Protein backbone atom coordinates (compact mmCIF):
# COMPACT_ATOMS: atom_id res chain seq x y z
CA MET A 1 -37.35 2.89 6.85
CA THR A 2 -33.54 2.20 6.79
CA GLU A 3 -31.35 3.85 9.12
CA LYS A 4 -28.83 6.09 7.46
CA LYS A 5 -25.28 4.88 7.97
CA ARG A 6 -22.94 7.32 9.77
CA PRO A 7 -20.13 8.70 7.76
CA MET A 8 -16.53 7.40 8.30
CA ASN A 9 -14.55 9.45 10.74
CA LEU A 10 -10.96 9.76 9.57
CA GLU A 11 -8.15 10.76 11.87
CA VAL A 12 -4.72 11.72 10.73
CA LEU A 13 -1.74 10.51 13.01
CA VAL A 14 1.10 12.91 12.51
CA SER A 15 4.75 12.36 13.88
CA ALA A 16 6.69 15.48 13.90
CA VAL A 17 9.77 17.02 15.58
CA ASP A 18 10.28 20.50 16.84
CA GLN A 19 7.32 21.93 14.96
CA GLU A 20 4.78 24.75 15.77
CA ALA A 21 1.42 23.00 15.50
CA ALA A 22 -0.67 25.98 14.54
CA GLU A 23 1.81 26.37 11.32
CA LEU A 24 2.11 22.69 10.46
CA ILE A 25 -1.58 21.71 10.42
CA PRO A 26 -2.45 24.06 7.48
CA GLU A 27 0.87 23.32 5.69
CA MET A 28 -0.15 19.60 5.62
CA HIS A 29 -3.68 20.66 4.51
CA ILE A 30 -5.10 18.69 7.40
CA HIS A 31 -9.01 19.48 7.62
CA THR A 32 -10.03 16.45 9.51
CA ASP A 33 -9.61 15.27 13.09
CA ALA A 34 -5.89 14.52 13.84
CA VAL A 35 -3.63 13.66 16.62
CA LEU A 36 -0.23 15.42 16.28
CA ILE A 37 2.64 14.01 18.48
CA ASN A 38 5.49 16.78 18.38
CA GLN A 39 8.90 15.62 19.89
CA CYS A 40 10.42 18.69 21.34
CA ASP A 41 11.93 20.09 24.43
CA ARG A 42 8.61 20.18 26.54
CA TYR A 43 5.54 18.63 27.76
CA ALA A 44 2.22 20.31 26.54
CA TYR A 45 -1.39 19.76 25.25
CA ASP A 46 -3.40 21.82 23.13
CA THR A 47 -6.35 21.41 20.67
CA ILE A 48 -6.58 23.25 17.14
CA ALA A 49 -9.37 23.66 14.81
CA ALA A 50 -8.63 22.10 11.46
CA GLY A 51 -11.47 22.70 8.81
CA GLN A 52 -14.24 20.50 10.18
CA GLY A 53 -11.99 18.59 12.50
CA LYS A 54 -10.12 18.96 15.82
CA VAL A 55 -6.50 18.41 16.08
CA LYS A 56 -5.15 17.00 19.58
CA CYS A 57 -1.61 18.16 20.00
CA PHE A 58 0.69 16.51 22.25
CA SER A 59 4.34 17.84 22.94
CA MET A 60 6.87 15.66 24.60
CA PRO A 61 10.59 15.41 24.88
CA GLU A 62 11.13 11.60 24.57
CA ARG A 63 12.53 10.66 21.05
CA GLY A 64 11.76 7.87 18.70
CA VAL A 65 9.36 7.59 15.73
CA GLY A 66 8.05 4.16 16.96
CA LEU A 67 7.22 5.89 20.41
CA SER A 68 5.56 8.74 18.43
CA ARG A 69 3.40 6.57 16.46
CA ASN A 70 2.37 4.32 19.37
CA THR A 71 1.47 7.55 21.39
CA ALA A 72 -0.71 8.73 18.48
CA LEU A 73 -2.57 5.18 18.41
CA LEU A 74 -2.95 5.56 22.25
CA HIS A 75 -5.06 8.86 21.79
CA ALA A 76 -6.70 7.82 18.56
CA SER A 77 -10.48 7.71 18.36
CA GLY A 78 -11.46 7.67 14.82
CA ASP A 79 -13.04 4.96 12.72
CA VAL A 80 -9.99 5.03 10.37
CA VAL A 81 -6.57 6.31 10.95
CA LEU A 82 -3.89 7.45 8.49
CA PHE A 83 -0.42 7.63 9.67
CA SER A 84 1.68 10.70 8.47
CA ASP A 85 4.65 12.77 8.90
CA GLU A 86 5.37 16.57 8.99
CA ASP A 87 6.73 16.58 5.42
CA ILE A 88 3.62 15.19 3.87
CA VAL A 89 1.15 17.40 2.14
CA LEU A 90 -2.20 15.86 1.91
CA ALA A 91 -4.34 16.09 -1.22
CA ALA A 92 -7.38 18.25 -1.13
CA ASP A 93 -9.85 15.45 -1.34
CA TYR A 94 -7.75 12.79 0.90
CA GLU A 95 -10.70 12.21 3.32
CA GLU A 96 -13.17 11.59 0.31
CA GLN A 97 -10.61 9.09 -1.45
CA ILE A 98 -9.88 7.20 1.73
CA ALA A 99 -13.56 6.74 2.41
CA LYS A 100 -14.26 5.63 -1.18
CA ALA A 101 -11.61 3.05 -0.84
CA TYR A 102 -13.11 1.61 2.14
CA ARG A 103 -16.38 1.45 0.53
CA GLU A 104 -14.86 -0.27 -2.19
CA LEU A 105 -13.00 -2.88 -0.10
CA GLN A 106 -15.42 -3.56 2.57
CA ASP A 107 -13.46 -6.41 3.90
CA ALA A 108 -10.27 -4.34 4.54
CA ASP A 109 -8.69 -3.91 7.67
CA MET A 110 -5.89 -1.54 6.45
CA ILE A 111 -5.50 0.14 2.81
CA LEU A 112 -2.07 1.33 1.60
CA PHE A 113 -2.27 4.37 -0.51
CA ASN A 114 0.17 6.12 -3.21
CA VAL A 115 1.88 9.34 -2.02
CA GLN A 116 3.96 11.21 -4.59
CA VAL A 117 7.84 11.36 -3.73
CA ALA A 118 10.79 12.28 -5.49
CA PRO A 119 11.95 9.39 -7.94
CA ALA A 120 15.14 8.72 -5.87
CA ARG A 121 13.17 8.01 -2.67
CA ARG A 122 10.25 6.13 -4.24
CA THR A 123 10.17 2.52 -2.95
CA TYR A 124 6.57 1.44 -4.37
CA TRP A 125 3.82 2.74 -6.48
CA ASN A 126 0.42 1.04 -6.56
CA ARG A 127 -0.68 0.59 -10.35
CA GLU A 128 -3.55 -1.86 -9.38
CA ILE A 129 -5.80 -2.68 -6.39
CA ARG A 130 -4.33 -5.74 -4.71
CA ARG A 131 -3.93 -7.88 -1.56
CA ILE A 132 -0.79 -7.28 0.40
CA THR A 133 0.76 -10.40 1.52
CA TYR A 134 4.12 -11.72 2.93
CA ARG A 135 5.52 -11.33 -0.61
CA ASN A 136 5.04 -7.80 -1.11
CA TYR A 137 4.64 -5.86 2.14
CA GLY A 138 8.19 -4.74 2.61
CA ARG A 139 8.33 -1.53 0.56
CA TYR A 140 5.69 0.65 2.24
CA PRO A 141 6.28 3.54 4.34
CA ALA A 142 4.13 4.64 7.35
CA TYR A 143 2.65 7.64 5.42
CA SER A 144 0.92 5.20 2.94
CA ILE A 145 -0.67 3.21 5.66
CA SER A 146 -4.36 3.55 6.87
CA ALA A 147 -6.33 1.29 8.95
CA LYS A 148 -9.44 0.71 10.80
CA LEU A 149 -8.75 1.50 14.30
CA THR A 150 -10.70 -1.27 15.76
CA ALA A 151 -8.71 -3.88 13.59
CA LEU A 152 -5.41 -2.40 15.11
CA ARG A 153 -6.51 -2.62 18.53
CA ARG A 154 -7.93 -6.12 18.08
CA ALA A 155 -4.65 -7.30 16.73
CA ASN A 156 -2.73 -5.40 19.68
CA ALA A 157 -0.67 -3.74 16.62
CA HIS A 158 2.11 -1.37 17.52
CA TYR A 159 5.32 0.11 16.41
CA SER A 160 8.94 -1.31 17.34
CA LEU A 161 10.84 1.04 19.67
CA LEU A 162 14.08 -0.52 18.25
CA PHE A 163 13.83 0.83 14.65
CA GLY A 164 13.37 4.32 13.10
CA GLY A 165 14.51 7.85 13.58
CA GLY A 166 15.69 8.48 17.25
CA ALA A 167 15.80 4.68 17.99
CA LYS A 168 18.88 2.34 18.22
CA TYR A 169 18.46 1.03 14.70
CA SER A 170 18.03 3.16 11.70
CA ASN A 171 15.03 2.04 9.75
CA GLY A 172 12.48 -0.77 9.15
CA GLU A 173 9.84 -0.09 11.54
CA ASP A 174 7.15 0.20 9.10
CA SER A 175 8.05 -3.28 7.55
CA LEU A 176 7.92 -4.77 10.95
CA PHE A 177 4.53 -3.11 11.71
CA LEU A 178 2.92 -4.38 8.51
CA ARG A 179 4.43 -7.89 9.04
CA ASP A 180 2.84 -8.11 12.53
CA CYS A 181 -0.45 -6.91 11.26
CA LEU A 182 -0.21 -9.76 8.67
CA LYS A 183 0.52 -12.16 11.38
CA ALA A 184 -2.46 -11.03 13.37
CA GLY A 185 -4.64 -11.86 10.31
CA LEU A 186 -5.56 -8.29 9.30
CA ARG A 187 -6.70 -7.98 5.67
CA ILE A 188 -4.41 -5.33 4.09
CA TYR A 189 -4.87 -4.03 0.43
CA ALA A 190 -2.86 -1.52 -1.88
CA HIS A 191 -4.76 0.93 -3.57
CA THR A 192 -4.28 3.25 -6.54
CA ALA A 193 -5.55 6.59 -5.02
CA CYS A 194 -2.88 9.20 -4.46
CA ILE A 195 -3.50 11.07 -1.16
CA GLY A 196 -0.66 13.40 -0.80
CA GLU A 197 2.82 14.34 -1.80
CA GLU A 198 6.32 14.49 0.18
CA LYS A 199 8.19 17.73 0.34
CA GLU A 200 11.64 17.20 -0.27
CA ARG A 201 14.16 17.49 2.63
CA GLU A 202 17.25 15.68 4.12
CA SER A 203 16.58 12.53 5.46
CA THR A 204 16.25 12.26 9.32
CA TRP A 205 17.90 8.74 9.34
CA PHE A 206 19.88 8.08 6.18
CA SER A 207 23.29 9.22 6.12
CA GLY A 208 24.83 6.89 3.60
CA TYR A 209 25.73 3.10 2.66
CA HIS A 210 28.20 2.88 5.61
CA GLU A 211 28.88 -0.07 8.13
CA LYS A 212 26.15 1.01 10.51
CA PHE A 213 23.75 0.93 7.64
CA PHE A 214 24.51 -2.58 6.66
CA ARG A 215 24.81 -3.71 10.36
CA ASP A 216 21.28 -2.24 11.27
CA ARG A 217 19.79 -4.00 8.16
CA GLY A 218 21.22 -7.22 9.38
CA VAL A 219 19.44 -6.72 12.67
CA LEU A 220 16.19 -6.01 10.92
CA TYR A 221 16.61 -8.98 8.64
CA HIS A 222 16.71 -11.27 11.89
CA HIS A 223 13.68 -9.73 13.03
CA LEU A 224 11.64 -10.00 9.69
CA TYR A 225 12.97 -13.38 8.28
CA GLY A 226 14.55 -15.55 11.29
CA LYS A 227 16.29 -18.32 9.89
CA LEU A 228 16.27 -16.82 6.39
CA ALA A 229 18.08 -13.68 7.48
CA LEU A 230 21.52 -14.54 5.96
CA PRO A 231 20.39 -15.85 2.50
CA LEU A 232 17.93 -12.91 2.06
CA SER A 233 20.68 -10.59 2.96
CA LEU A 234 22.84 -11.81 0.41
CA ARG A 235 20.05 -11.47 -2.18
CA PHE A 236 19.27 -8.05 -0.83
CA LEU A 237 23.04 -6.98 -1.53
CA LEU A 238 23.40 -8.64 -4.90
CA ALA A 239 20.07 -6.94 -5.99
CA HIS A 240 21.17 -3.34 -5.03
CA ARG A 241 24.99 -3.85 -5.23
CA GLU A 242 25.32 -1.08 -7.89
CA THR A 243 23.68 1.59 -5.68
CA MET A 244 24.81 0.45 -2.06
CA CYS A 245 28.23 -1.23 -2.62
CA ARG A 246 30.28 1.59 -4.23
CA GLU A 247 32.42 2.39 -1.34
CA ILE A 248 31.84 -0.76 0.67
CA SER A 249 32.34 -4.11 -1.12
CA VAL A 250 29.47 -6.55 -1.27
CA GLY A 251 31.79 -9.04 0.60
CA LYS A 252 32.22 -6.38 3.57
CA ALA A 253 28.44 -5.27 3.36
CA PHE A 254 27.52 -8.94 3.90
CA HIS A 255 29.88 -9.24 6.67
CA MET A 256 28.42 -6.36 8.37
CA MET A 257 24.83 -7.72 7.88
CA ARG A 258 26.06 -11.14 9.33
CA MET A 259 27.37 -9.17 12.46
CA GLY A 260 23.86 -7.48 12.76
CA VAL A 261 22.16 -10.88 12.54
CA ARG A 262 24.37 -12.23 15.29
CA GLU A 263 23.81 -9.20 17.50
CA ALA A 264 20.07 -9.61 17.20
CA ARG A 265 20.33 -13.23 17.89
CA GLY A 266 22.29 -12.36 21.10
CA ARG A 267 25.52 -14.14 20.14
């Protein structure tokens, strides 16, 4: 008689700022185990029932999305974890869709799913199941990312504390995280299942294509691409000049990105 395989335990890792956990959990449609990191003005811990799951709620005054995600990982215990944010509403069948994807892709350490967002904010949409490599990892936000927890811990994967909301540099932490997972040898796939949607709200980090935006992007490109940072900076600006260089010229934007690269190099 064969032993019945234990169902996959999914745990959602939520990063939030100044939220009431008892209201946020049902708003996000969470019905599995979860870890909620709420950055607010106090330290506190509580647990809340959510469908068939339990949500571990940690409140902390320290700021930074990387710190928030690392803290959630520290307290995670599920077989598979799904990163999420306070403005994500999960699909009713998100648990089933994620479990099905891992059954289909049995060698996957991580799977990146579709999440519906406003067209102006969309950076990707998976139209086929495919392997994620160094050529196509850079457009995925945290709320698309799921992973086997044992794989992340084996790889010693964690989020940068330098980038993202609440950190010194504005964004790029998700790209760095996926890059580090690739470097550690984790097998990452994109999947066509849509597991939720984003509620429209004002961005917590984006305030326009100003000098700091381009300088921060230069710092990020140094960390992502090393010696290729400058040519890839120029390619980035030329590809997006109609959107990003309406108020600051391509030349000025490249100068700011070059300053960011030099800053990251320490000279």
